[in-house]
PDB file of N, CA and C in Angstrom:
ATOM      1  N   ALA A   1      90.657 123.374  97.193  1.00  0.00           N
ATOM      2  CA  ALA A   1      91.011 123.663  95.942  1.00  0.00           C
ATOM      3  C   ALA A   1      91.325 122.573  94.883  1.00  0.00           C
ATOM      4  N   GLU A   2      90.672 122.630  93.587  1.00  0.00           N
ATOM      5  CA  GLU A   2      91.009 121.226  92.582  1.00  0.00           C
ATOM      6  C   GLU A   2      92.096 121.119  92.176  1.00  0.00           C
ATOM      7  N   PHE A   3      92.587 119.767  92.132  1.00  0.00           N
ATOM      8  CA  PHE A   3      94.018 119.356  91.450  1.00  0.00           C
ATOM      9  C   PHE A   3      93.660 119.459  90.306  1.00  0.00           C
ATOM     10  N   LYS A   4      94.755 119.834  89.451  1.00  0.00           N
ATOM     11  CA  LYS A   4      94.822 120.124  87.769  1.00  0.00           C
ATOM     12  C   LYS A   4      95.023 118.836  87.659  1.00  0.00           C
ATOM     13  N   PRO A   5      94.822 118.301  86.205  1.00  0.00           N
ATOM     14  CA  PRO A   5      94.737 117.142  85.826  1.00  0.00           C
ATOM     15  C   PRO A   5      96.479 116.262  85.786  1.00  0.00           C
ATOM     16  N   GLN A   6      97.143 117.488  85.601  1.00  0.00           N
ATOM     17  CA  GLN A   6      98.614 116.706  85.534  1.00  0.00           C
ATOM     18  C   GLN A   6      98.739 116.295  86.914  1.00  0.00           C
ATOM     19  N   ALA A   7      98.422 116.908  88.196  1.00  0.00           N
ATOM     20  CA  ALA A   7      98.745 116.778  89.275  1.00  0.00           C
ATOM     21  C   ALA A   7      98.060 115.284  89.681  1.00  0.00           C
ATOM     22  N   LEU A   8      96.817 115.070  89.315  1.00  0.00           N
ATOM     23  CA  LEU A   8      96.162 113.513  89.258  1.00  0.00           C
ATOM     24  C   LEU A   8      96.972 112.558  88.427  1.00  0.00           C
ATOM     25  N   SER A   9      97.427 113.064  87.123  1.00  0.00           N
ATOM     26  CA  SER A   9      98.121 112.022  86.986  1.00  0.00           C
ATOM     27  C   SER A   9      99.457 111.628  87.488  1.00  0.00           C
ATOM     28  N   ASN A  10      99.945 112.779  87.978  1.00  0.00           N
ATOM     29  CA  ASN A  10     101.540 112.564  88.720  1.00  0.00           C
ATOM     30  C   ASN A  10     101.300 111.837  90.027  1.00  0.00           C
ATOM     31  N   THR A  11     100.153 112.006  90.670  1.00  0.00           N
ATOM     32  CA  THR A  11      99.878 111.447  91.789  1.00  0.00           C
ATOM     33  C   THR A  11      99.590 109.942  91.327  1.00  0.00           C
ATOM     34  N   ALA A  12      98.779 109.283  90.727  1.00  0.00           N
ATOM     35  CA  ALA A  12      98.551 107.924  89.976  1.00  0.00           C
ATOM     36  C   ALA A  12      99.874 107.441  90.055  1.00  0.00           C
ATOM     37  N   TRP A  13     100.869 108.004  88.890  1.00  0.00           N
ATOM     38  CA  TRP A  13     101.909 107.679  88.321  1.00  0.00           C
ATOM     39  C   TRP A  13     102.808 107.177  89.677  1.00  0.00           C
ATOM     40  N   ALA A  14     103.010 108.302  90.785  1.00  0.00           N
ATOM     41  CA  ALA A  14     104.110 108.252  91.768  1.00  0.00           C
ATOM     42  C   ALA A  14     104.005 106.700  92.642  1.00  0.00           C
ATOM     43  N   PHE A  15     102.326 106.732  92.567  1.00  0.00           N
ATOM     44  CA  PHE A  15     102.234 105.587  93.657  1.00  0.00           C
ATOM     45  C   PHE A  15     102.189 103.990  92.810  1.00  0.00           C
ATOM     46  N   ALA A  16     101.737 104.525  91.479  1.00  0.00           N
ATOM     47  CA  ALA A  16     102.214 102.868  90.725  1.00  0.00           C
ATOM     48  C   ALA A  16     103.686 102.469  90.648  1.00  0.00           C
ATOM     49  N   LYS A  17     104.286 103.930  90.458  1.00  0.00           N
ATOM     50  CA  LYS A  17     106.076 103.634  90.154  1.00  0.00           C
ATOM     51  C   LYS A  17     106.472 102.864  91.587  1.00  0.00           C
ATOM     52  N   ALA A  18     105.879 103.235  92.787  1.00  0.00           N
ATOM     53  CA  ALA A  18     106.370 102.571  93.860  1.00  0.00           C
ATOM     54  C   ALA A  18     105.635 101.361  94.254  1.00  0.00           C
ATOM     55  N   SER A  19     104.710 100.897  93.210  1.00  0.00           N
ATOM     56  CA  SER A  19     104.122  99.951  93.250  1.00  0.00           C
ATOM     57  C   SER A  19     103.484  99.882  94.918  1.00  0.00           C
ATOM     58  N   TYR A  20     102.875 101.086  95.203  1.00  0.00           N
ATOM     59  CA  TYR A  20     102.190 100.996  96.134  1.00  0.00           C
ATOM     60  C   TYR A  20     100.666 101.050  95.781  1.00  0.00           C
ATOM     61  N   MET A  21     100.154 100.046  96.521  1.00  0.00           N
ATOM     62  CA  MET A  21      98.705  99.827  96.414  1.00  0.00           C
ATOM     63  C   MET A  21      97.977 100.653  97.581  1.00  0.00           C
ATOM     64  N   ALA A  22      97.340 101.646  96.764  1.00  0.00           N
ATOM     65  CA  ALA A  22      96.107 102.519  97.831  1.00  0.00           C
ATOM     66  C   ALA A  22      94.725 102.628  96.978  1.00  0.00           C
ATOM     67  N   PRO A  23      94.164 101.327  96.946  1.00  0.00           N
ATOM     68  CA  PRO A  23      92.586 101.256  96.396  1.00  0.00           C
ATOM     69  C   PRO A  23      91.569 102.588  96.820  1.00  0.00           C
ATOM     70  N   MET A  24      91.631 102.920  97.558  1.00  0.00           N
ATOM     71  CA  MET A  24      90.758 103.976  98.052  1.00  0.00           C
ATOM     72  C   MET A  24      91.004 105.534  97.465  1.00  0.00           C
ATOM     73  N   LEU A  25      92.479 105.687  97.539  1.00  0.00           N
ATOM     74  CA  LEU A  25      93.126 106.893  96.739  1.00  0.00           C
ATOM     75  C   LEU A  25      93.025 106.804  95.294  1.00  0.00           C
ATOM     76  N   PHE A  26      92.767 105.431  94.787  1.00  0.00           N
ATOM     77  CA  PHE A  26      92.371 105.426  93.223  1.00  0.00           C
ATOM     78  C   PHE A  26      90.991 105.555  92.591  1.00  0.00           C
ATOM     79  N   VAL A  27      90.571 105.008  93.677  1.00  0.00           N
ATOM     80  CA  VAL A  27      89.236 105.297  93.346  1.00  0.00           C
ATOM     81  C   VAL A  27      88.582 106.706  93.363  1.00  0.00           C
ATOM     82  N   ALA A  28      89.122 107.190  94.482  1.00  0.00           N
ATOM     83  CA  ALA A  28      89.125 108.974  94.260  1.00  0.00           C
ATOM     84  C   ALA A  28      89.801 109.299  92.929  1.00  0.00           C
ATOM     85  N   LEU A  29      90.933 109.108  92.727  1.00  0.00           N
ATOM     86  CA  LEU A  29      91.480 109.598  91.876  1.00  0.00           C
ATOM     87  C   LEU A  29      90.753 109.369  90.058  1.00  0.00           C
ATOM     88  N   ALA A  30      90.282 108.158  90.059  1.00  0.00           N
ATOM     89  CA  ALA A  30      89.085 107.784  89.090  1.00  0.00           C
ATOM     90  C   ALA A  30      87.857 108.583  89.010  1.00  0.00           C
ATOM     91  N   ARG A  31      87.500 108.817  90.257  1.00  0.00           N
ATOM     92  CA  ARG A  31      86.066 109.642  90.291  1.00  0.00           C
ATOM     93  C   ARG A  31      86.251 110.831  89.947  1.00  0.00           C
ATOM     94  N   THR A  32      87.411 111.488  90.319  1.00  0.00           N
ATOM     95  CA  THR A  32      87.652 113.043  90.358  1.00  0.00           C
ATOM     96  C   THR A  32      88.228 113.349  88.775  1.00  0.00           C
ATOM     97  N   SER A  33      88.955 112.433  87.821  1.00  0.00           N
ATOM     98  CA  SER A  33      89.445 112.204  86.840  1.00  0.00           C
ATOM     99  C   SER A  33      88.576 112.131  85.857  1.00  0.00           C
ATOM    100  N   GLU A  34      87.954 110.947  85.709  1.00  0.00           N
ATOM    101  CA  GLU A  34      86.947 110.609  85.170  1.00  0.00           C
ATOM    102  C   GLU A  34      85.921 111.973  84.021  1.00  0.00           C
ATOM    103  N   PRO A  35      85.284 112.665  84.871  1.00  0.00           N
ATOM    104  CA  PRO A  35      84.487 113.607  83.947  1.00  0.00           C
ATOM    105  C   PRO A  35      85.233 114.862  83.702  1.00  0.00           C
ATOM    106  N   ARG A  36      86.478 114.916  83.759  1.00  0.00           N
ATOM    107  CA  ARG A  36      87.526 116.073  83.907  1.00  0.00           C
ATOM    108  C   ARG A  36      88.378 115.407  82.565  1.00  0.00           C
ATOM    109  N   LEU A  37      88.311 113.669  81.882  1.00  0.00           N
ATOM    110  CA  LEU A  37      89.236 113.617  80.894  1.00  0.00           C
ATOM    111  C   LEU A  37      89.661 114.778  79.619  1.00  0.00           C
ATOM    112  N   HIS A  38      88.898 115.448  79.502  1.00  0.00           N
ATOM    113  CA  HIS A  38      88.805 116.212  78.360  1.00  0.00           C
ATOM    114  C   HIS A  38      89.773 117.209  78.681  1.00  0.00           C
ATOM    115  N   GLU A  39      90.461 117.540  79.788  1.00  0.00           N
ATOM    116  CA  GLU A  39      91.337 118.586  80.438  1.00  0.00           C
ATOM    117  C   GLU A  39      92.632 117.511  80.276  1.00  0.00           C
ATOM    118  N   PHE A  40      92.701 116.474  80.170  1.00  0.00           N
ATOM    119  CA  PHE A  40      94.241 115.862  80.294  1.00  0.00           C
ATOM    120  C   PHE A  40      94.780 116.334  79.213  1.00  0.00           C
ATOM    121  N   ALA A  41      95.968 116.102  79.399  1.00  0.00           N
ATOM    122  CA  ALA A  41      96.932 116.383  78.123  1.00  0.00           C
ATOM    123  C   ALA A  41      97.404 114.938  77.568  1.00  0.00           C
ATOM    124  N   PRO A  42      97.954 114.417  76.643  1.00  0.00           N
ATOM    125  CA  PRO A  42      98.111 113.285  76.265  1.00  0.00           C
ATOM    126  C   PRO A  42      98.914 112.258  77.103  1.00  0.00           C
ATOM    127  N   GLN A  43      99.945 113.017  77.736  1.00  0.00           N
ATOM    128  CA  GLN A  43     100.868 112.533  78.667  1.00  0.00           C
ATOM    129  C   GLN A  43     100.135 111.911  79.823  1.00  0.00           C
ATOM    130  N   ALA A  44      99.321 112.887  80.467  1.00  0.00           N
ATOM    131  CA  ALA A  44      98.689 112.763  81.382  1.00  0.00           C
ATOM    132  C   ALA A  44      97.565 111.126  81.395  1.00  0.00           C
ATOM    133  N   LEU A  45      96.925 111.329  80.247  1.00  0.00           N
ATOM    134  CA  LEU A  45      96.457 110.320  79.943  1.00  0.00           C
ATOM    135  C   LEU A  45      96.949 108.916  79.888  1.00  0.00           C
ATOM    136  N   ALA A  46      98.001 109.025  79.502  1.00  0.00           N
ATOM    137  CA  ALA A  46      98.824 107.739  79.142  1.00  0.00           C
ATOM    138  C   ALA A  46      99.567 107.553  80.494  1.00  0.00           C
ATOM    139  N   ASN A  47     100.257 108.239  81.632  1.00  0.00           N
ATOM    140  CA  ASN A  47     100.153 108.021  83.048  1.00  0.00           C
ATOM    141  C   ASN A  47      99.091 107.381  83.119  1.00  0.00           C
ATOM    142  N   MET A  48      98.177 107.969  83.451  1.00  0.00           N
ATOM    143  CA  MET A  48      96.808 107.377  84.420  1.00  0.00           C
ATOM    144  C   MET A  48      96.675 105.780  83.703  1.00  0.00           C
ATOM    145  N   ALA A  49      96.742 105.470  82.443  1.00  0.00           N
ATOM    146  CA  ALA A  49      96.434 104.328  81.754  1.00  0.00           C
ATOM    147  C   ALA A  49      97.388 103.233  82.492  1.00  0.00           C
ATOM    148  N   TRP A  50      98.806 103.942  82.239  1.00  0.00           N
ATOM    149  CA  TRP A  50      99.894 103.109  82.789  1.00  0.00           C
ATOM    150  C   TRP A  50     100.035 102.793  84.258  1.00  0.00           C
ATOM    151  N   SER A  51      99.337 103.872  85.313  1.00  0.00           N
ATOM    152  CA  SER A  51      99.331 103.323  86.664  1.00  0.00           C
ATOM    153  C   SER A  51      98.303 102.727  87.141  1.00  0.00           C
ATOM    154  N   PHE A  52      96.838 102.682  86.443  1.00  0.00           N
ATOM    155  CA  PHE A  52      96.218 101.868  86.733  1.00  0.00           C
ATOM    156  C   PHE A  52      96.566 100.406  86.585  1.00  0.00           C
ATOM    157  N   ALA A  53      97.105 100.371  85.286  1.00  0.00           N
ATOM    158  CA  ALA A  53      97.509  98.953  84.454  1.00  0.00           C
ATOM    159  C   ALA A  53      98.168  98.339  85.734  1.00  0.00           C
ATOM    160  N   SER A  54      99.377  99.351  85.956  1.00  0.00           N
ATOM    161  CA  SER A  54     100.299  98.644  86.489  1.00  0.00           C
ATOM    162  C   SER A  54     100.064  98.120  88.304  1.00  0.00           C
ATOM    163  N   LEU A  55      99.004  98.805  88.884  1.00  0.00           N
ATOM    164  CA  LEU A  55      98.638  98.469  90.118  1.00  0.00           C
ATOM    165  C   LEU A  55      97.522  97.429  90.030  1.00  0.00           C
ATOM    166  N   ASN A  56      97.259  96.935  88.466  1.00  0.00           N
ATOM    167  CA  ASN A  56      96.058  95.943  88.410  1.00  0.00           C
ATOM    168  C   ASN A  56      94.705  96.173  89.241  1.00  0.00           C
ATOM    169  N   ASP A  57      94.299  97.377  88.964  1.00  0.00           N
ATOM    170  CA  ASP A  57      93.413  97.900  89.823  1.00  0.00           C
ATOM    171  C   ASP A  57      92.083  98.158  89.120  1.00  0.00           C
ATOM    172  N   ARG A  58      91.303  96.813  88.940  1.00  0.00           N
ATOM    173  CA  ARG A  58      89.995  96.894  88.202  1.00  0.00           C
ATOM    174  C   ARG A  58      89.280  97.768  88.703  1.00  0.00           C
ATOM    175  N   VAL A  59      88.831  97.540  90.169  1.00  0.00           N
ATOM    176  CA  VAL A  59      87.789  98.388  90.724  1.00  0.00           C
ATOM    177  C   VAL A  59      88.170  99.861  90.373  1.00  0.00           C
ATOM    178  N   SER A  60      89.035 100.542  90.541  1.00  0.00           N
ATOM    179  CA  SER A  60      88.946 101.947  90.093  1.00  0.00           C
ATOM    180  C   SER A  60      89.049 102.298  88.311  1.00  0.00           C
ATOM    181  N   GLY A  61      89.541 101.111  87.752  1.00  0.00           N
ATOM    182  CA  GLY A  61      89.272 100.919  86.627  1.00  0.00           C
ATOM    183  C   GLY A  61      88.166 100.910  85.689  1.00  0.00           C
ATOM    184  N   ASP A  62      87.332 100.605  86.694  1.00  0.00           N
ATOM    185  CA  ASP A  62      86.005 100.312  86.190  1.00  0.00           C
ATOM    186  C   ASP A  62      85.301 101.959  86.140  1.00  0.00           C
ATOM    187  N   VAL A  63      85.414 102.720  86.912  1.00  0.00           N
ATOM    188  CA  VAL A  63      85.160 104.027  87.189  1.00  0.00           C
ATOM    189  C   VAL A  63      85.971 104.863  85.979  1.00  0.00           C
ATOM    190  N   LEU A  64      87.042 104.408  85.803  1.00  0.00           N
ATOM    191  CA  LEU A  64      88.068 105.649  84.844  1.00  0.00           C
ATOM    192  C   LEU A  64      87.653 105.097  83.646  1.00  0.00           C
ATOM    193  N   PHE A  65      87.856 104.080  83.384  1.00  0.00           N
ATOM    194  CA  PHE A  65      87.575 103.525  81.682  1.00  0.00           C
ATOM    195  C   PHE A  65      86.422 102.612  80.988  1.00  0.00           C
ATOM    196  N   GLY A  66      85.460 102.637  82.147  1.00  0.00           N
ATOM    197  CA  GLY A  66      84.270 101.943  81.929  1.00  0.00           C
ATOM    198  C   GLY A  66      83.045 102.547  81.300  1.00  0.00           C
ATOM    199  N   THR A  67      83.534 104.172  80.614  1.00  0.00           N
ATOM    200  CA  THR A  67      82.988 104.853  79.919  1.00  0.00           C
ATOM    201  C   THR A  67      83.873 104.968  78.856  1.00  0.00           C
ATOM    202  N   ALA A  68      83.175 105.762  77.468  1.00  0.00           N
ATOM    203  CA  ALA A  68      84.014 106.313  76.290  1.00  0.00           C
ATOM    204  C   ALA A  68      84.356 107.244  76.729  1.00  0.00           C
ATOM    205  N   SER A  69      84.717 107.667  77.545  1.00  0.00           N
ATOM    206  CA  SER A  69      85.164 108.967  77.581  1.00  0.00           C
ATOM    207  C   SER A  69      87.103 108.874  77.547  1.00  0.00           C
ATOM    208  N   PHE A  70      87.333 107.823  78.061  1.00  0.00           N
ATOM    209  CA  PHE A  70      88.854 107.882  78.277  1.00  0.00           C
ATOM    210  C   PHE A  70      89.545 107.636  76.914  1.00  0.00           C
ATOM    211  N   SER A  71      88.883 106.699  76.210  1.00  0.00           N
ATOM    212  CA  SER A  71      89.062 106.401  74.730  1.00  0.00           C
ATOM    213  C   SER A  71      88.527 107.571  73.728  1.00  0.00           C
ATOM    214  N   ARG A  72      87.726 107.930  74.034  1.00  0.00           N
ATOM    215  CA  ARG A  72      87.202 109.344  73.111  1.00  0.00           C
ATOM    216  C   ARG A  72      88.476 110.785  73.222  1.00  0.00           C
ATOM    217  N   CYS A  73      88.906 110.653  74.462  1.00  0.00           N
ATOM    218  CA  CYS A  73      90.040 111.836  74.698  1.00  0.00           C
ATOM    219  C   CYS A  73      91.037 111.010  74.247  1.00  0.00           C
ATOM    220  N   CYS A  74      91.562 109.860  74.244  1.00  0.00           N
ATOM    221  CA  CYS A  74      92.914 109.344  73.479  1.00  0.00           C
ATOM    222  C   CYS A  74      92.982 109.738  72.211  1.00  0.00           C
ATOM    223  N   ALA A  75      91.663 109.334  71.658  1.00  0.00           N
ATOM    224  CA  ALA A  75      91.084 109.637  70.144  1.00  0.00           C
ATOM    225  C   ALA A  75      91.559 110.871  69.850  1.00  0.00           C
ATOM    226  N   ALA A  76      91.204 111.963  70.614  1.00  0.00           N
ATOM    227  CA  ALA A  76      91.041 113.441  70.036  1.00  0.00           C
ATOM    228  C   ALA A  76      92.789 113.776  70.080  1.00  0.00           C
ATOM    229  N   HIS A  77      93.554 112.840  70.824  1.00  0.00           N
ATOM    230  CA  HIS A  77      94.737 113.516  70.811  1.00  0.00           C
ATOM    231  C   HIS A  77      95.808 112.533  70.514  1.00  0.00           C
ATOM    232  N   GLU A  78      95.078 111.574  69.360  1.00  0.00           N
ATOM    233  CA  GLU A  78      95.871 110.603  68.822  1.00  0.00           C
ATOM    234  C   GLU A  78      97.409 110.892  68.220  1.00  0.00           C
ATOM    235  N   ALA A  79      97.493 112.174  67.608  1.00  0.00           N
ATOM    236  CA  ALA A  79      98.433 112.528  66.949  1.00  0.00           C
ATOM    237  C   ALA A  79      99.605 112.675  67.616  1.00  0.00           C
ATOM    238  N   ASP A  80      99.243 113.350  69.173  1.00  0.00           N
ATOM    239  CA  ASP A  80     100.135 114.160  69.807  1.00  0.00           C
ATOM    240  C   ASP A  80     100.963 113.182  71.315  1.00  0.00           C
ATOM    241  N   PHE A  81     100.404 112.090  71.126  1.00  0.00           N
ATOM    242  CA  PHE A  81     101.176 111.083  72.183  1.00  0.00           C
ATOM    243  C   PHE A  81     102.724 110.686  71.609  1.00  0.00           C
ATOM    244  N   THR A  82     103.730 110.824  72.949  1.00  0.00           N
ATOM    245  CA  THR A  82     104.946 110.526  72.392  1.00  0.00           C
ATOM    246  C   THR A  82     105.060 109.024  72.430  1.00  0.00           C
ATOM    247  N   LEU A  83     106.339 108.725  72.171  1.00  0.00           N
ATOM    248  CA  LEU A  83     106.548 107.136  72.179  1.00  0.00           C
ATOM    249  C   LEU A  83     106.576 106.780  73.541  1.00  0.00           C
ATOM    250  N   ALA A  84     106.728 107.264  74.513  1.00  0.00           N
ATOM    251  CA  ALA A  84     106.653 107.129  75.472  1.00  0.00           C
ATOM    252  C   ALA A  84     105.104 106.825  76.063  1.00  0.00           C
ATOM    253  N   GLY A  85     104.426 107.928  75.781  1.00  0.00           N
ATOM    254  CA  GLY A  85     102.789 107.590  76.277  1.00  0.00           C
ATOM    255  C   GLY A  85     102.339 106.367  74.894  1.00  0.00           C
ATOM    256  N   LEU A  86     102.883 106.295  74.098  1.00  0.00           N
ATOM    257  CA  LEU A  86     102.178 105.119  72.979  1.00  0.00           C
ATOM    258  C   LEU A  86     102.815 103.904  73.710  1.00  0.00           C
ATOM    259  N   ASN A  87     103.732 104.026  74.351  1.00  0.00           N
ATOM    260  CA  ASN A  87     104.085 102.628  75.175  1.00  0.00           C
ATOM    261  C   ASN A  87     102.972 102.271  76.515  1.00  0.00           C
ATOM    262  N   GLN A  88     102.943 103.219  77.168  1.00  0.00           N
ATOM    263  CA  GLN A  88     101.974 103.302  78.320  1.00  0.00           C
ATOM    264  C   GLN A  88     100.916 102.768  78.041  1.00  0.00           C
ATOM    265  N   LEU A  89     100.217 103.479  76.612  1.00  0.00           N
ATOM    266  CA  LEU A  89      98.976 103.258  76.504  1.00  0.00           C
ATOM    267  C   LEU A  89      98.756 101.758  75.397  1.00  0.00           C
ATOM    268  N   HIS A  90      99.826 101.234  75.220  1.00  0.00           N
ATOM    269  CA  HIS A  90      99.593  99.395  74.492  1.00  0.00           C
ATOM    270  C   HIS A  90      99.807  98.990  75.892  1.00  0.00           C
ATOM    271  N   PHE A  91     100.679  99.345  77.035  1.00  0.00           N
ATOM    272  CA  PHE A  91     100.790  98.053  78.209  1.00  0.00           C
ATOM    273  C   PHE A  91      99.521  98.427  78.836  1.00  0.00           C
ATOM    274  N   TRP A  92      98.952  99.489  78.729  1.00  0.00           N
ATOM    275  CA  TRP A  92      97.018  99.525  79.226  1.00  0.00           C
ATOM    276  C   TRP A  92      96.300  98.522  78.421  1.00  0.00           C
ATOM    277  N   SER A  93      96.244  98.656  77.329  1.00  0.00           N
ATOM    278  CA  SER A  93      95.654  97.646  76.254  1.00  0.00           C
ATOM    279  C   SER A  93      95.869  96.116  76.374  1.00  0.00           C
ATOM    280  N   LEU A  94      96.992  95.802  76.832  1.00  0.00           N
ATOM    281  CA  LEU A  94      97.612  94.496  77.442  1.00  0.00           C
ATOM    282  C   LEU A  94      96.847  94.104  78.345  1.00  0.00           C
ATOM    283  N   TRP A  95      96.753  94.927  79.427  1.00  0.00           N
ATOM    284  CA  TRP A  95      96.166  95.192  80.670  1.00  0.00           C
ATOM    285  C   TRP A  95      94.755  94.525  80.404  1.00  0.00           C
ATOM    286  N   CYS A  96      94.083  95.657  79.848  1.00  0.00           N
ATOM    287  CA  CYS A  96      92.678  95.326  79.401  1.00  0.00           C
ATOM    288  C   CYS A  96      92.350  94.002  78.681  1.00  0.00           C
ATOM    289  N   THR A  97      93.059  93.614  78.003  1.00  0.00           N
ATOM    290  CA  THR A  97      92.453  92.634  77.448  1.00  0.00           C
ATOM    291  C   THR A  97      92.936  91.130  78.410  1.00  0.00           C
ATOM    292  N   ARG A  98      93.917  91.383  79.212  1.00  0.00           N
ATOM    293  CA  ARG A  98      94.406  89.933  80.302  1.00  0.00           C
ATOM    294  C   ARG A  98      93.174  90.160  81.286  1.00  0.00           C
ATOM    295  N   LEU A  99      92.333  91.444  81.412  1.00  0.00           N
ATOM    296  CA  LEU A  99      91.099  91.691  82.222  1.00  0.00           C
ATOM    297  C   LEU A  99      89.956  91.227  81.625  1.00  0.00           C
ATOM    298  N   ASP A 100      90.039  91.069  80.185  1.00  0.00           N
ATOM    299  CA  ASP A 100      88.959  90.825  79.605  1.00  0.00           C
ATOM    300  C   ASP A 100      87.542  91.814  79.691  1.00  0.00           C
ATOM    301  N   ALA A 101      88.457  93.095  79.932  1.00  0.00           N
ATOM    302  CA  ALA A 101      87.531  94.146  80.471  1.00  0.00           C
ATOM    303  C   ALA A 101      86.907  94.491  79.323  1.00  0.00           C
ATOM    304  N   SER A 102      85.345  94.839  79.641  1.00  0.00           N
ATOM    305  CA  SER A 102      84.220  95.212  78.268  1.00  0.00           C
ATOM    306  C   SER A 102      84.657  96.917  78.290  1.00  0.00           C
ATOM    307  N   TRP A 103      85.723  97.379  78.652  1.00  0.00           N
ATOM    308  CA  TRP A 103      85.542  98.784  78.369  1.00  0.00           C
ATOM    309  C   TRP A 103      85.965  99.249  76.745  1.00  0.00           C
ATOM    310  N   PRO A 104      85.306 100.528  76.566  1.00  0.00           N
ATOM    311  CA  PRO A 104      85.637 101.080  75.337  1.00  0.00           C
ATOM    312  C   PRO A 104      87.049 100.896  74.901  1.00  0.00           C
ATOM    313  N   VAL A 105      87.769 100.334  73.932  1.00  0.00           N
ATOM    314  CA  VAL A 105      89.299 100.297  73.233  1.00  0.00           C
ATOM    315  C   VAL A 105      89.523 101.574  72.478  1.00  0.00           C
ATOM    316  N   LEU A 106      90.581 101.541  72.496  1.00  0.00           N
ATOM    317  CA  LEU A 106      91.501 102.473  71.658  1.00  0.00           C
ATOM    318  C   LEU A 106      91.121 102.419  70.090  1.00  0.00           C
ATOM    319  N   PRO A 107      91.129 103.589  69.681  1.00  0.00           N
ATOM    320  CA  PRO A 107      90.905 103.576  68.031  1.00  0.00           C
ATOM    321  C   PRO A 107      91.625 102.626  67.380  1.00  0.00           C
ATOM    322  N   VAL A 108      91.321 101.971  66.299  1.00  0.00           N
ATOM    323  CA  VAL A 108      92.329 100.788  65.987  1.00  0.00           C
ATOM    324  C   VAL A 108      93.718 101.575  65.284  1.00  0.00           C
ATOM    325  N   ALA A 109      93.402 102.884  64.481  1.00  0.00           N
ATOM    326  CA  ALA A 109      94.850 103.485  64.186  1.00  0.00           C
ATOM    327  C   ALA A 109      95.658 103.958  65.365  1.00  0.00           C
ATOM    328  N   LEU A 110      95.129 104.513  66.682  1.00  0.00           N
ATOM    329  CA  LEU A 110      96.140 104.550  67.451  1.00  0.00           C
ATOM    330  C   LEU A 110      96.498 103.603  68.374  1.00  0.00           C
ATOM    331  N   ALA A 111      95.936 102.065  68.418  1.00  0.00           N
ATOM    332  CA  ALA A 111      96.220 100.915  68.887  1.00  0.00           C
ATOM    333  C   ALA A 111      97.471 100.501  68.137  1.00  0.00           C
ATOM    334  N   GLU A 112      97.433 100.340  66.612  1.00  0.00           N
ATOM    335  CA  GLU A 112      98.386 100.171  66.064  1.00  0.00           C
ATOM    336  C   GLU A 112      99.315 100.776  66.187  1.00  0.00           C
ATOM    337  N   ARG A 113      99.477 102.388  66.404  1.00  0.00           N
ATOM    338  CA  ARG A 113     100.659 102.687  66.275  1.00  0.00           C
ATOM    339  C   ARG A 113     101.570 102.359  68.030  1.00  0.00           C
ATOM    340  N   CYS A 114     100.394 102.308  68.660  1.00  0.00           N
ATOM    341  CA  CYS A 114     100.799 101.648  70.418  1.00  0.00           C
ATOM    342  C   CYS A 114     101.845 100.726  70.046  1.00  0.00           C
ATOM    343  N   ASN A 115     101.043  99.752  69.593  1.00  0.00           N
ATOM    344  CA  ASN A 115     101.464  98.044  69.146  1.00  0.00           C
ATOM    345  C   ASN A 115     103.016  98.889  68.347  1.00  0.00           C
ATOM    346  N   VAL A 116     103.089  99.359  67.350  1.00  0.00           N
ATOM    347  CA  VAL A 116     104.424  99.646  66.890  1.00  0.00           C
ATOM    348  C   VAL A 116     105.488 100.113  67.871  1.00  0.00           C
ATOM    349  N   ALA A 117     105.117 100.943  68.591  1.00  0.00           N
ATOM    350  CA  ALA A 117     106.389 101.730  69.409  1.00  0.00           C
ATOM    351  C   ALA A 117     105.982 100.430  70.591  1.00  0.00           C
ATOM    352  N   PHE A 118     105.462  99.757  71.025  1.00  0.00           N
ATOM    353  CA  PHE A 118     105.862  98.761  72.152  1.00  0.00           C
ATOM    354  C   PHE A 118     107.106  98.160  71.665  1.00  0.00           C
ATOM    355  N   CYS A 119     106.965  97.423  70.223  1.00  0.00           N
ATOM    356  CA  CYS A 119     107.749  96.702  69.551  1.00  0.00           C
ATOM    357  C   CYS A 119     109.166  97.238  69.331  1.00  0.00           C
ATOM    358  N   GLU A 120     108.895  98.264  69.453  1.00  0.00           N
ATOM    359  CA  GLU A 120     110.281  98.891  68.991  1.00  0.00           C
ATOM    360  C   GLU A 120     110.761  99.731  70.116  1.00  0.00           C
ATOM    361  N   LYS A 121     110.401  99.787  71.291  1.00  0.00           N
ATOM    362  CA  LYS A 121     110.707 100.550  72.316  1.00  0.00           C
ATOM    363  C   LYS A 121     111.972 100.187  73.342  1.00  0.00           C
ATOM    364  N   ASP A 122     112.890 100.808  74.429  1.00  0.00           N
ATOM    365  CA  ASP A 122     113.377 100.638  75.235  1.00  0.00           C
ATOM    366  C   ASP A 122     112.793 100.061  76.052  1.00  0.00           C
ATOM    367  N   PRO A 123     113.131  98.854  77.024  1.00  0.00           N
ATOM    368  CA  PRO A 123     112.556  98.153  77.773  1.00  0.00           C
ATOM    369  C   PRO A 123     111.766  99.277  79.154  1.00  0.00           C
ATOM    370  N   SER A 124     112.578 100.350  79.513  1.00  0.00           N
ATOM    371  CA  SER A 124     112.281 101.347  80.199  1.00  0.00           C
ATOM    372  C   SER A 124     111.447 102.299  79.922  1.00  0.00           C
ATOM    373  N   SER A 125     110.961 102.316  79.029  1.00  0.00           N
ATOM    374  CA  SER A 125     109.997 103.502  78.440  1.00  0.00           C
ATOM    375  C   SER A 125     108.698 103.049  78.614  1.00  0.00           C
ATOM    376  N   THR A 126     108.066 102.099  79.396  1.00  0.00           N
ATOM    377  CA  THR A 126     106.767 101.848  79.661  1.00  0.00           C
ATOM    378  C   THR A 126     106.457 102.497  80.996  1.00  0.00           C
ATOM    379  N   GLN A 127     107.372 103.071  81.407  1.00  0.00           N
ATOM    380  CA  GLN A 127     107.322 103.881  82.888  1.00  0.00           C
ATOM    381  C   GLN A 127     107.576 105.176  83.009  1.00  0.00           C
ATOM    382  N   SER A 128     107.863 105.661  81.874  1.00  0.00           N
ATOM    383  CA  SER A 128     108.040 107.043  81.691  1.00  0.00           C
ATOM    384  C   SER A 128     107.017 108.200  81.892  1.00  0.00           C
ATOM    385  N   GLN A 129     107.311 109.118  82.358  1.00  0.00           N
ATOM    386  CA  GLN A 129     106.431 110.095  82.905  1.00  0.00           C
ATOM    387  C   GLN A 129     106.214 111.295  81.557  1.00  0.00           C
TER     388      GLN A 129
END
């Protein structure tokens, strides 16, 4: 049976929340998720971004974020992200900057909303699911 997008993002989130490094699992999650990102709800996209950033997993990140699919899907849901989701995406953006990754970035307007949300957030909200 095929995992639903929310199950994929919940799995990534649970491992990241526990700070449990599972490189092979995250490569598999990235490979399975990348061609299906258009099926992911905004919160699932945000959970994936936060999870990969939290575990600092660049190898699987290259698979999941190395094409325009992730940023394009985030753009398609730009108005639908919750405050928690915006915080998670901002955390991911900071990680991308720190890595100096050449991955496609979030659209400017969405990145600005993420920054504003992050600056006004409750400190625990970057881990929200």
